[in-house]
C-alpha atoms as a PDB file:
ATOM      1  CA  MET A   1      97.713 -23.661-182.635  1.00  0.00           C
ATOM      2  CA  ASN A   2      95.680 -24.082-179.486  1.00  0.00           C
ATOM      3  CA  SER A   3      96.490 -22.026-176.407  1.00  0.00           C
ATOM      4  CA  LYS A   4      98.013 -24.894-174.400  1.00  0.00           C
ATOM      5  CA  THR A   5     101.653 -23.829-174.683  1.00  0.00           C
ATOM      6  CA  LEU A   6     100.982 -20.188-173.898  1.00  0.00           C
ATOM      7  CA  ALA A   7      98.598 -21.095-171.110  1.00  0.00           C
ATOM      8  CA  VAL A   8     101.287 -23.152-169.403  1.00  0.00           C
ATOM      9  CA  ALA A   9     103.664 -20.204-169.451  1.00  0.00           C
ATOM     10  CA  ALA A  10     100.955 -17.885-168.213  1.00  0.00           C
ATOM     11  CA  SER A  11     100.076 -20.222-165.359  1.00  0.00           C
ATOM     12  CA  ALA A  12     103.701 -20.264-164.267  1.00  0.00           C
ATOM     13  CA  VAL A  13     103.717 -16.481-164.175  1.00  0.00           C
ATOM     14  CA  VAL A  14     100.560 -16.468-162.067  1.00  0.00           C
ATOM     15  CA  ALA A  15     102.189 -18.920-159.675  1.00  0.00           C
ATOM     16  CA  LEU A  16     105.170 -16.610-159.403  1.00  0.00           C
ATOM     17  CA  SER A  17     102.877 -13.759-158.499  1.00  0.00           C
ATOM     18  CA  ALA A  18     101.804 -15.721-155.453  1.00  0.00           C
ATOM     19  CA  GLY A  19     105.087 -17.298-154.427  1.00  0.00           C
ATOM     20  CA  ALA A  20     108.094 -15.567-155.908  1.00  0.00           C
ATOM     21  CA  ALA A  21     108.269 -12.733-153.395  1.00  0.00           C
ATOM     22  CA  PHE A  22     108.109 -12.968-149.641  1.00  0.00           C
ATOM     23  CA  ALA A  23     104.636 -11.734-148.783  1.00  0.00           C
ATOM     24  CA  GLN A  24     104.273  -9.294-145.955  1.00  0.00           C
ATOM     25  CA  GLN A  25     102.155 -11.053-143.364  1.00  0.00           C
ATOM     26  CA  PRO A  26      99.575  -8.964-141.462  1.00  0.00           C
ATOM     27  CA  ALA A  27     100.522  -8.203-137.915  1.00  0.00           C
ATOM     28  CA  ALA A  28      98.974 -10.490-135.343  1.00  0.00           C
ATOM     29  CA  ALA A  29      96.305  -9.029-133.130  1.00  0.00           C
ATOM     30  CA  PRO A  30      97.639  -8.032-129.706  1.00  0.00           C
ATOM     31  CA  ALA A  31      96.939 -10.578-126.998  1.00  0.00           C
ATOM     32  CA  ALA A  32      94.508  -9.666-124.277  1.00  0.00           C
ATOM     33  CA  ALA A  33      96.116  -8.501-121.047  1.00  0.00           C
ATOM     34  CA  ALA A  34      96.414 -11.295-118.507  1.00  0.00           C
ATOM     35  CA  PRO A  35      94.579 -10.795-115.227  1.00  0.00           C
ATOM     36  CA  ALA A  36      96.662  -9.745-112.256  1.00  0.00           C
ATOM     37  CA  VAL A  37      98.065 -12.632-110.201  1.00  0.00           C
ATOM     38  CA  SER A  38      99.287 -12.548-106.629  1.00  0.00           C
ATOM     39  CA  HIS A  39     102.549 -14.457-106.250  1.00  0.00           C
ATOM     40  CA  GLY A  40     103.793 -16.245-103.205  1.00  0.00           C
ATOM     41  CA  PRO A  41     107.257 -15.740-101.771  1.00  0.00           C
ATOM     42  CA  ALA A  42     110.105 -16.319-104.198  1.00  0.00           C
ATOM     43  CA  VAL A  43     111.719 -19.740-104.004  1.00  0.00           C
ATOM     44  CA  PRO A  44     115.402 -19.263-103.140  1.00  0.00           C
ATOM     45  CA  GLY A  45     117.683 -20.396-105.954  1.00  0.00           C
ATOM     46  CA  LEU A  46     114.858 -20.921-108.482  1.00  0.00           C
ATOM     47  CA  CYS A  47     115.220 -18.684-111.552  1.00  0.00           C
ATOM     48  CA  ILE A  48     113.540 -18.448-114.937  1.00  0.00           C
ATOM     49  CA  LEU A  49     114.745 -17.062-118.265  1.00  0.00           C
ATOM     50  CA  SER A  50     113.229 -16.465-121.694  1.00  0.00           C
ATOM     51  CA  VAL A  51     116.007 -16.709-124.275  1.00  0.00           C
ATOM     52  CA  GLN A  52     113.644 -15.551-127.019  1.00  0.00           C
ATOM     53  CA  GLY A  53     112.456 -12.669-124.854  1.00  0.00           C
ATOM     54  CA  ALA A  54     116.021 -11.657-124.040  1.00  0.00           C
ATOM     55  CA  ILE A  55     117.015 -11.615-127.713  1.00  0.00           C
ATOM     56  CA  GLY A  56     113.859  -9.788-128.795  1.00  0.00           C
ATOM     57  CA  GLY A  57     114.113  -7.231-126.008  1.00  0.00           C
ATOM     58  CA  SER A  58     117.778  -6.450-126.508  1.00  0.00           C
ATOM     59  CA  THR A  59     119.155  -3.665-128.673  1.00  0.00           C
ATOM     60  CA  VAL A  60     121.111  -6.085-130.829  1.00  0.00           C
ATOM     61  CA  GLY A  61     118.049  -8.313-131.239  1.00  0.00           C
ATOM     62  CA  LYS A  62     116.002  -5.372-132.492  1.00  0.00           C
ATOM     63  CA  TYR A  63     118.849  -4.447-134.834  1.00  0.00           C
ATOM     64  CA  VAL A  64     118.866  -7.971-136.275  1.00  0.00           C
ATOM     65  CA  ASP A  65     115.106  -7.758-136.811  1.00  0.00           C
ATOM     66  CA  THR A  66     115.425  -4.412-138.617  1.00  0.00           C
ATOM     67  CA  ARG A  67     118.322  -5.649-140.754  1.00  0.00           C
ATOM     68  CA  MET A  68     116.403  -8.803-141.704  1.00  0.00           C
ATOM     69  CA  GLN A  69     113.483  -6.644-142.851  1.00  0.00           C
ATOM     70  CA  GLN A  70     115.893  -4.706-145.070  1.00  0.00           C
ATOM     71  CA  ILE A  71     117.259  -7.930-146.557  1.00  0.00           C
ATOM     72  CA  VAL A  72     113.750  -9.234-147.256  1.00  0.00           C
ATOM     73  CA  GLN A  73     112.871  -5.952-148.972  1.00  0.00           C
ATOM     74  CA  GLN A  74     115.974  -6.248-151.170  1.00  0.00           C
ATOM     75  CA  VAL A  75     115.033  -9.805-152.115  1.00  0.00           C
ATOM     76  CA  ASN A  76     111.473  -8.767-152.887  1.00  0.00           C
ATOM     77  CA  ALA A  77     112.700  -5.930-155.099  1.00  0.00           C
ATOM     78  CA  GLU A  78     114.932  -8.313-157.036  1.00  0.00           C
ATOM     79  CA  LEU A  79     112.268 -10.980-157.538  1.00  0.00           C
ATOM     80  CA  ASN A  80     109.407  -8.591-158.210  1.00  0.00           C
ATOM     81  CA  GLY A  81     111.410  -6.829-160.919  1.00  0.00           C
ATOM     82  CA  GLU A  82     112.007 -10.081-162.774  1.00  0.00           C
ATOM     83  CA  ARG A  83     108.438 -11.241-162.190  1.00  0.00           C
ATOM     84  CA  THR A  84     107.027  -8.016-163.623  1.00  0.00           C
ATOM     85  CA  ALA A  85     109.217  -8.347-166.720  1.00  0.00           C
ATOM     86  CA  ILE A  86     107.975 -11.898-167.296  1.00  0.00           C
ATOM     87  CA  GLU A  87     104.361 -10.888-166.764  1.00  0.00           C
ATOM     88  CA  ASN A  88     104.675  -8.002-169.210  1.00  0.00           C
ATOM     89  CA  GLU A  89     106.250 -10.220-171.846  1.00  0.00           C
ATOM     90  CA  GLY A  90     103.470 -12.748-171.325  1.00  0.00           C
ATOM     91  CA  LYS A  91     100.846 -10.066-171.910  1.00  0.00           C
ATOM     92  CA  THR A  92     102.689  -8.884-175.010  1.00  0.00           C
ATOM     93  CA  LEU A  93     102.867 -12.415-176.353  1.00  0.00           C
ATOM     94  CA  GLU A  94      99.177 -12.945-175.715  1.00  0.00           C
ATOM     95  CA  GLY A  95      98.396  -9.773-177.643  1.00  0.00           C
ATOM     96  CA  GLN A  96     100.491 -10.979-180.582  1.00  0.00           C
ATOM     97  CA  ARG A  97      98.855 -14.392-180.775  1.00  0.00           C
ATOM     98  CA  ALA A  98      96.852 -13.558-183.886  1.00  0.00           C
ATOM     99  CA  THR A  99      99.825 -12.109-185.790  1.00  0.00           C
ATOM    100  CA  LEU A 100     102.528 -14.683-185.026  1.00  0.00           C
ATOM    101  CA  ASP A 101     102.966 -17.982-186.784  1.00  0.00           C
ATOM    102  CA  ARG A 102     102.603 -21.152-184.764  1.00  0.00           C
ATOM    103  CA  THR A 103     106.321 -21.963-184.568  1.00  0.00           C
ATOM    104  CA  THR A 104     107.316 -18.493-183.393  1.00  0.00           C
ATOM    105  CA  LEU A 105     104.515 -18.398-180.824  1.00  0.00           C
ATOM    106  CA  GLU A 106     105.474 -21.778-179.394  1.00  0.00           C
ATOM    107  CA  GLN A 107     109.156 -20.871-179.241  1.00  0.00           C
ATOM    108  CA  ARG A 108     108.530 -17.610-177.434  1.00  0.00           C
ATOM    109  CA  ALA A 109     106.040 -19.227-175.068  1.00  0.00           C
ATOM    110  CA  SER A 110     108.546 -21.978-174.308  1.00  0.00           C
ATOM    111  CA  ALA A 111     111.279 -19.428-173.621  1.00  0.00           C
ATOM    112  CA  LEU A 112     108.912 -17.559-171.326  1.00  0.00           C
ATOM    113  CA  GLN A 113     108.190 -20.771-169.459  1.00  0.00           C
ATOM    114  CA  VAL A 114     111.922 -21.361-168.980  1.00  0.00           C
ATOM    115  CA  ARG A 115     112.331 -17.889-167.491  1.00  0.00           C
ATOM    116  CA  ALA A 116     109.342 -18.386-165.198  1.00  0.00           C
ATOM    117  CA  ASN A 117     110.720 -21.694-163.968  1.00  0.00           C
ATOM    118  CA  ALA A 118     114.141 -20.151-163.375  1.00  0.00           C
ATOM    119  CA  LEU A 119     112.590 -17.333-161.368  1.00  0.00           C
ATOM    120  CA  GLN A 120     110.642 -19.787-159.276  1.00  0.00           C
ATOM    121  CA  ARG A 121     113.839 -21.667-158.464  1.00  0.00           C
ATOM    122  CA  LYS A 122     115.562 -18.396-157.618  1.00  0.00           C
ATOM    123  CA  ALA A 123     112.704 -17.432-155.283  1.00  0.00           C
ATOM    124  CA  GLN A 124     113.026 -20.757-153.481  1.00  0.00           C
ATOM    125  CA  GLN A 125     116.767 -20.267-153.167  1.00  0.00           C
ATOM    126  CA  ARG A 126     116.365 -16.733-151.861  1.00  0.00           C
ATOM    127  CA  GLU A 127     113.950 -18.054-149.256  1.00  0.00           C
ATOM    128  CA  ARG A 128     116.563 -20.554-148.092  1.00  0.00           C
ATOM    129  CA  GLU A 129     119.194 -17.818-148.034  1.00  0.00           C
ATOM    130  CA  VAL A 130     117.019 -15.503-145.939  1.00  0.00           C
ATOM    131  CA  SER A 131     116.318 -18.336-143.508  1.00  0.00           C
ATOM    132  CA  ALA A 132     120.024 -19.194-143.274  1.00  0.00           C
ATOM    133  CA  THR A 133     120.864 -15.523-142.729  1.00  0.00           C
ATOM    134  CA  GLU A 134     118.400 -15.200-139.884  1.00  0.00           C
ATOM    135  CA  GLN A 135     119.598 -18.399-138.224  1.00  0.00           C
ATOM    136  CA  LYS A 136     123.214 -17.265-138.426  1.00  0.00           C
ATOM    137  CA  ALA A 137     122.456 -13.777-137.075  1.00  0.00           C
ATOM    138  CA  VAL A 138     120.352 -15.061-134.190  1.00  0.00           C
ATOM    139  CA  GLY A 139     123.017 -17.673-133.493  1.00  0.00           C
ATOM    140  CA  ARG A 140     125.589 -14.892-133.202  1.00  0.00           C
ATOM    141  CA  VAL A 141     123.396 -13.109-130.655  1.00  0.00           C
ATOM    142  CA  GLY A 142     122.993 -16.373-128.763  1.00  0.00           C
ATOM    143  CA  GLN A 143     126.764 -16.847-128.625  1.00  0.00           C
ATOM    144  CA  GLU A 144     127.211 -13.329-127.261  1.00  0.00           C
ATOM    145  CA  MET A 145     124.482 -13.941-124.684  1.00  0.00           C
ATOM    146  CA  GLU A 146     125.545 -17.397-123.469  1.00  0.00           C
ATOM    147  CA  PRO A 147     128.294 -16.287-121.040  1.00  0.00           C
ATOM    148  CA  LEU A 148     126.056 -13.472-119.809  1.00  0.00           C
ATOM    149  CA  ILE A 149     123.379 -15.963-118.813  1.00  0.00           C
ATOM    150  CA  ARG A 150     125.891 -17.794-116.618  1.00  0.00           C
ATOM    151  CA  GLN A 151     127.081 -14.451-115.237  1.00  0.00           C
ATOM    152  CA  VAL A 152     123.611 -13.283-114.230  1.00  0.00           C
ATOM    153  CA  TYR A 153     122.772 -16.777-112.974  1.00  0.00           C
ATOM    154  CA  GLN A 154     125.677 -16.601-110.546  1.00  0.00           C
ATOM    155  CA  GLN A 155     124.967 -12.990-109.569  1.00  0.00           C
ATOM    156  CA  ARG A 156     121.402 -13.923-108.647  1.00  0.00           C
ATOM    157  CA  GLN A 157     122.650 -17.014-106.795  1.00  0.00           C
ATOM    158  CA  CYS A 158     120.408 -19.315-108.815  1.00  0.00           C
ATOM    159  CA  SER A 159     120.424 -23.048-108.212  1.00  0.00           C
ATOM    160  CA  VAL A 160     117.944 -23.977-110.962  1.00  0.00           C
ATOM    161  CA  LEU A 161     117.224 -22.141-114.220  1.00  0.00           C
ATOM    162  CA  LEU A 162     113.959 -22.908-116.005  1.00  0.00           C
ATOM    163  CA  ASN A 163     112.712 -21.861-119.424  1.00  0.00           C
ATOM    164  CA  ARG A 164     110.215 -19.081-118.775  1.00  0.00           C
ATOM    165  CA  ASP A 165     108.333 -19.893-121.967  1.00  0.00           C
ATOM    166  CA  ALA A 166     107.611 -23.390-120.628  1.00  0.00           C
ATOM    167  CA  VAL A 167     106.362 -22.146-117.249  1.00  0.00           C
ATOM    168  CA  VAL A 168     102.661 -21.394-116.872  1.00  0.00           C
ATOM    169  CA  ILE A 169     102.947 -18.774-114.132  1.00  0.00           C
ATOM    170  CA  ALA A 170     105.971 -17.608-112.187  1.00  0.00           C
ATOM    171  CA  SER A 171     106.896 -14.718-109.982  1.00  0.00           C
ATOM    172  CA  PRO A 172     108.688 -11.862-111.768  1.00  0.00           C
ATOM    173  CA  ALA A 173     111.141 -11.928-108.892  1.00  0.00           C
ATOM    174  CA  ALA A 174     112.506 -15.198-110.275  1.00  0.00           C
ATOM    175  CA  ASP A 175     112.939 -13.842-113.810  1.00  0.00           C
ATOM    176  CA  ILE A 176     116.540 -13.042-114.741  1.00  0.00           C
ATOM    177  CA  THR A 177     115.625 -12.084-118.329  1.00  0.00           C
ATOM    178  CA  PRO A 178     115.827  -8.311-117.684  1.00  0.00           C
ATOM    179  CA  GLY A 179     119.287  -8.723-116.173  1.00  0.00           C
ATOM    180  CA  VAL A 180     120.477 -10.687-119.198  1.00  0.00           C
ATOM    181  CA  VAL A 181     119.067  -8.011-121.538  1.00  0.00           C
ATOM    182  CA  THR A 182     120.897  -5.283-119.625  1.00  0.00           C
ATOM    183  CA  ALA A 183     124.170  -7.205-119.794  1.00  0.00           C
ATOM    184  CA  LEU A 184     123.717  -7.940-123.497  1.00  0.00           C
ATOM    185  CA  ASN A 185     122.993  -4.280-124.279  1.00  0.00           C
ATOM    186  CA  ALA A 186     126.211  -3.313-122.541  1.00  0.00           C
ATOM    187  CA  LYS A 187     128.188  -5.885-124.537  1.00  0.00           C
ATOM    188  CA  ILE A 188     126.917  -5.482-128.113  1.00  0.00           C
ATOM    189  CA  THR A 189     124.291  -3.414-129.907  1.00  0.00           C
ATOM    190  CA  GLN A 190     124.809  -4.363-133.564  1.00  0.00           C
ATOM    191  CA  PHE A 191     127.066  -6.180-136.014  1.00  0.00           C
ATOM    192  CA  ALA A 192     127.302  -6.127-139.781  1.00  0.00           C
ATOM    193  CA  PHE A 193     125.829  -8.998-141.779  1.00  0.00           C
ATOM    194  CA  ASP A 194     124.445  -9.530-145.274  1.00  0.00           C
ATOM    195  CA  ARG A 195     122.326 -12.155-146.961  1.00  0.00           C
ATOM    196  CA  GLU A 196     123.947 -15.568-147.142  1.00  0.00           C
ATOM    197  CA  ARG A 197     124.837 -16.576-150.718  1.00  0.00           C
ATOM    198  CA  LEU A 198     124.112 -20.279-150.914  1.00  0.00           C
ATOM    199  CA  ASP A 199     124.505 -20.406-154.700  1.00  0.00           C
ATOM    200  CA  ALA A 200     128.208 -19.481-154.446  1.00  0.00           C
ATOM    201  CA  GLN A 201     129.089 -22.225-151.965  1.00  0.00           C
ATOM    202  CA  PRO A 202     129.294 -25.187-154.385  1.00  0.00           C
ATOM    203  CA  GLN A 203     131.529 -23.221-156.748  1.00  0.00           C
ATOM    204  CA  ALA A 204     133.751 -22.099-153.881  1.00  0.00           C
ATOM    205  CA  ALA A 205     134.004 -25.664-152.589  1.00  0.00           C
ATOM    206  CA  ALA A 206     134.911 -26.947-156.049  1.00  0.00           C
ATOM    207  CA  ALA A 207     137.585 -24.275-156.424  1.00  0.00           C
ATOM    208  CA  ALA A 208     139.055 -25.186-153.045  1.00  0.00           C
ATOM    209  CA  THR A 209     139.243 -28.893-153.863  1.00  0.00           C
ATOM    210  CA  PRO A 210     142.743 -29.797-155.151  1.00  0.00           C
ATOM    211  CA  ALA A 211     142.929 -31.450-158.520  1.00  0.00           C
ATOM    212  CA  PRO A 212     143.744 -35.175-158.442  1.00  0.00           C
ATOM    213  CA  ALA A 213     147.369 -36.031-159.064  1.00  0.00           C
ATOM    214  CA  THR A 214     148.203 -37.473-162.468  1.00  0.00           C
ATOM    215  CA  ARG A 215     150.563 -40.395-162.899  1.00  0.00           C
ATOM    216  CA  ARG A 216     153.582 -39.589-164.983  1.00  0.00           C
END
């Protein structure tokens, strides 16, 4: 036989090497320090807040970040283990090309392709699960923080609250982000969460759906 069937399986394995696991991205280079700016007098009642900065600077936000890294590492370990097994079997099959009959070679190559495709689908699903997990965890932090924003807003006697990330330059005196971080740290520092299991949801929904009534 020609090498078409085996090559297809091998190409799928190579693709998995690039996309099955969540690659660790290199850290971005630190931004250059902004030049010092002299601010005018604070505008009474005008406040700014960075929601992202408050979450990232809080203890619970850092906990969520650390926990998400752990979850990604667990996913990578799962996918990389299966990927390595498929790669090794592909190498073994390639080495046995000269000794196997055409039918056996095609069958084993086809089975290898099926496994590679299944792993690719699993990797895509795990990516969706990790994304859903992060959104849910950050949403929980946002829910905990929402009443604190109103609390600090009133304590600082704000009349207008602007998104700090959308403001070019503003006086630190108008920034209530540190106050929100302090309040959030006093309220919650961590909470337990695991990776969302999206593959179990359809089965759970089907089990919860009552069976249609039958006419007697």
